[in-house]
Amino acid sequence: MIRHIVFFSARDPDDVARIEAGLNMLATIPEHEVFEVRRSLNTDQLTGTAVDVVVYAEFADDAALARYKAHPTYQRCIDVVRPMRDMRLAADIES
């Protein structure tokens, strides 16, 4: 199983809801087994950069993750979210 975790920060705090809505488009892609978009609670005082929104998804394997990223909705999401985001940090881990 592959866990896909992506952190986003907004350039403008007023755009957080729009980033969250844009990222929720990814839920329509059928490749994931678990999918969540959540706003960060930002309770960790040691963090240097605040994270506004987190995407968490689980995929059966690398091939499922690759199909997810190749889906046309994935690119549409990038087109919507990228202009509003400041930071994007992603990690894929095997579990």
C-alpha atoms as a PDB file:
ATOM      1  CA  MET A   1       0.000   0.000   0.000  1.00  0.00           C
ATOM      2  CA  ILE A   2       1.167   3.522  -0.817  1.00  0.00           C
ATOM      3  CA  ARG A   3       0.235   6.450   1.396  1.00  0.00           C
ATOM      4  CA  HIS A   4       0.252   9.778  -0.452  1.00  0.00           C
ATOM      5  CA  ILE A   5       0.418  12.861   1.797  1.00  0.00           C
ATOM      6  CA  VAL A   6       0.544  16.406   0.428  1.00  0.00           C
ATOM      7  CA  PHE A   7       0.760  19.646   2.404  1.00  0.00           C
ATOM      8  CA  PHE A   8      -0.344  23.015   1.018  1.00  0.00           C
ATOM      9  CA  SER A   9      -0.145  26.580   2.221  1.00  0.00           C
ATOM     10  CA  ALA A  10      -2.132  29.414   0.689  1.00  0.00           C
ATOM     11  CA  ARG A  11      -0.562  32.599  -0.654  1.00  0.00           C
ATOM     12  CA  ASP A  12      -3.585  34.470   0.658  1.00  0.00           C
ATOM     13  CA  PRO A  13      -5.492  33.205   3.727  1.00  0.00           C
ATOM     14  CA  ASP A  14      -8.723  34.125   1.961  1.00  0.00           C
ATOM     15  CA  ASP A  15      -8.006  31.377  -0.609  1.00  0.00           C
ATOM     16  CA  VAL A  16      -7.840  28.437   1.826  1.00  0.00           C
ATOM     17  CA  ALA A  17     -11.479  27.439   1.239  1.00  0.00           C
ATOM     18  CA  ARG A  18     -10.997  27.601  -2.542  1.00  0.00           C
ATOM     19  CA  ILE A  19      -7.836  25.478  -2.309  1.00  0.00           C
ATOM     20  CA  GLU A  20      -9.706  22.945  -0.207  1.00  0.00           C
ATOM     21  CA  ALA A  21     -12.579  22.856  -2.722  1.00  0.00           C
ATOM     22  CA  GLY A  22     -10.173  22.496  -5.638  1.00  0.00           C
ATOM     23  CA  LEU A  23      -8.360  19.622  -3.975  1.00  0.00           C
ATOM     24  CA  ASN A  24     -11.649  17.871  -3.277  1.00  0.00           C
ATOM     25  CA  MET A  25     -12.018  17.416  -7.055  1.00  0.00           C
ATOM     26  CA  LEU A  26      -9.443  14.637  -6.650  1.00  0.00           C
ATOM     27  CA  ALA A  27     -11.969  12.578  -4.685  1.00  0.00           C
ATOM     28  CA  THR A  28     -13.724  11.782  -7.974  1.00  0.00           C
ATOM     29  CA  ILE A  29     -10.689   9.887  -9.289  1.00  0.00           C
ATOM     30  CA  PRO A  30     -11.467   6.190  -8.729  1.00  0.00           C
ATOM     31  CA  GLU A  31      -7.940   4.894  -8.035  1.00  0.00           C
ATOM     32  CA  HIS A  32      -7.655   5.596  -4.308  1.00  0.00           C
ATOM     33  CA  GLU A  33      -8.849   3.375  -1.504  1.00  0.00           C
ATOM     34  CA  VAL A  34      -8.884   6.185   1.072  1.00  0.00           C
ATOM     35  CA  PHE A  35      -9.050   9.900   0.294  1.00  0.00           C
ATOM     36  CA  GLU A  36      -9.289  12.938   2.560  1.00  0.00           C
ATOM     37  CA  VAL A  37      -8.791  16.671   2.241  1.00  0.00           C
ATOM     38  CA  ARG A  38      -8.601  18.435   5.588  1.00  0.00           C
ATOM     39  CA  ARG A  39      -7.616  21.836   6.907  1.00  0.00           C
ATOM     40  CA  SER A  40      -4.640  21.790   9.226  1.00  0.00           C
ATOM     41  CA  LEU A  41      -5.260  22.578  12.870  1.00  0.00           C
ATOM     42  CA  ASN A  42      -1.829  24.277  12.967  1.00  0.00           C
ATOM     43  CA  THR A  43      -1.291  23.288  16.573  1.00  0.00           C
ATOM     44  CA  ASP A  44       2.422  22.450  16.228  1.00  0.00           C
ATOM     45  CA  GLN A  45       4.311  25.489  17.453  1.00  0.00           C
ATOM     46  CA  LEU A  46       7.638  24.115  16.153  1.00  0.00           C
ATOM     47  CA  THR A  47       6.604  24.271  12.511  1.00  0.00           C
ATOM     48  CA  GLY A  48       8.400  26.947  10.510  1.00  0.00           C
ATOM     49  CA  THR A  49       5.794  27.132   7.775  1.00  0.00           C
ATOM     50  CA  ALA A  50       2.102  26.896   8.491  1.00  0.00           C
ATOM     51  CA  VAL A  51       0.245  24.216   6.570  1.00  0.00           C
ATOM     52  CA  ASP A  52      -3.282  25.180   5.564  1.00  0.00           C
ATOM     53  CA  VAL A  53      -4.608  22.058   3.814  1.00  0.00           C
ATOM     54  CA  VAL A  54      -3.539  18.403   3.767  1.00  0.00           C
ATOM     55  CA  VAL A  55      -4.408  15.718   1.200  1.00  0.00           C
ATOM     56  CA  TYR A  56      -4.155  12.144   2.449  1.00  0.00           C
ATOM     57  CA  ALA A  57      -4.787   9.188   0.150  1.00  0.00           C
ATOM     58  CA  GLU A  58      -4.034   5.489   0.100  1.00  0.00           C
ATOM     59  CA  PHE A  59      -3.409   3.454  -3.036  1.00  0.00           C
ATOM     60  CA  ALA A  60      -3.082  -0.296  -3.518  1.00  0.00           C
ATOM     61  CA  ASP A  61       0.277   0.073  -5.263  1.00  0.00           C
ATOM     62  CA  ASP A  62       2.532   2.322  -7.360  1.00  0.00           C
ATOM     63  CA  ALA A  63       0.506   1.587 -10.482  1.00  0.00           C
ATOM     64  CA  ALA A  64      -2.708   2.863  -8.867  1.00  0.00           C
ATOM     65  CA  LEU A  65      -0.937   6.045  -7.759  1.00  0.00           C
ATOM     66  CA  ALA A  66       0.424   6.532 -11.284  1.00  0.00           C
ATOM     67  CA  ARG A  67      -3.072   6.122 -12.792  1.00  0.00           C
ATOM     68  CA  TYR A  68      -4.406   8.662 -10.278  1.00  0.00           C
ATOM     69  CA  LYS A  69      -1.761  11.202 -11.301  1.00  0.00           C
ATOM     70  CA  ALA A  70      -2.417  10.532 -15.005  1.00  0.00           C
ATOM     71  CA  HIS A  71      -6.177  11.115 -14.674  1.00  0.00           C
ATOM     72  CA  PRO A  72      -7.405  14.321 -16.409  1.00  0.00           C
ATOM     73  CA  THR A  73      -9.000  15.543 -13.169  1.00  0.00           C
ATOM     74  CA  TYR A  74      -5.567  15.567 -11.525  1.00  0.00           C
ATOM     75  CA  GLN A  75      -4.315  18.136 -14.057  1.00  0.00           C
ATOM     76  CA  ARG A  76      -7.528  20.181 -13.712  1.00  0.00           C
ATOM     77  CA  CYS A  77      -6.941  20.283  -9.964  1.00  0.00           C
ATOM     78  CA  ILE A  78      -3.380  21.520 -10.500  1.00  0.00           C
ATOM     79  CA  ASP A  79      -4.683  24.245 -12.818  1.00  0.00           C
ATOM     80  CA  VAL A  80      -7.135  25.419 -10.153  1.00  0.00           C
ATOM     81  CA  VAL A  81      -4.962  25.143  -7.046  1.00  0.00           C
ATOM     82  CA  ARG A  82      -1.447  26.081  -8.198  1.00  0.00           C
ATOM     83  CA  PRO A  83      -2.140  29.819  -8.667  1.00  0.00           C
ATOM     84  CA  MET A  84      -3.437  30.089  -5.082  1.00  0.00           C
ATOM     85  CA  ARG A  85      -0.868  27.985  -3.249  1.00  0.00           C
ATOM     86  CA  ASP A  86       2.422  29.081  -1.825  1.00  0.00           C
ATOM     87  CA  MET A  87       3.964  25.838  -0.602  1.00  0.00           C
ATOM     88  CA  ARG A  88       3.343  22.253  -1.722  1.00  0.00           C
ATOM     89  CA  LEU A  89       5.217  19.417  -0.090  1.00  0.00           C
ATOM     90  CA  ALA A  90       4.443  15.787  -0.956  1.00  0.00           C
ATOM     91  CA  ALA A  91       5.522  12.425   0.399  1.00  0.00           C
ATOM     92  CA  ASP A  92       4.684   8.921  -0.773  1.00  0.00           C
ATOM     93  CA  ILE A  93       5.429   6.163   1.698  1.00  0.00           C
ATOM     94  CA  GLU A  94       5.027   2.423   1.512  1.00  0.00           C
ATOM     95  CA  SER A  95       3.195   0.759   4.357  1.00  0.00           C
END
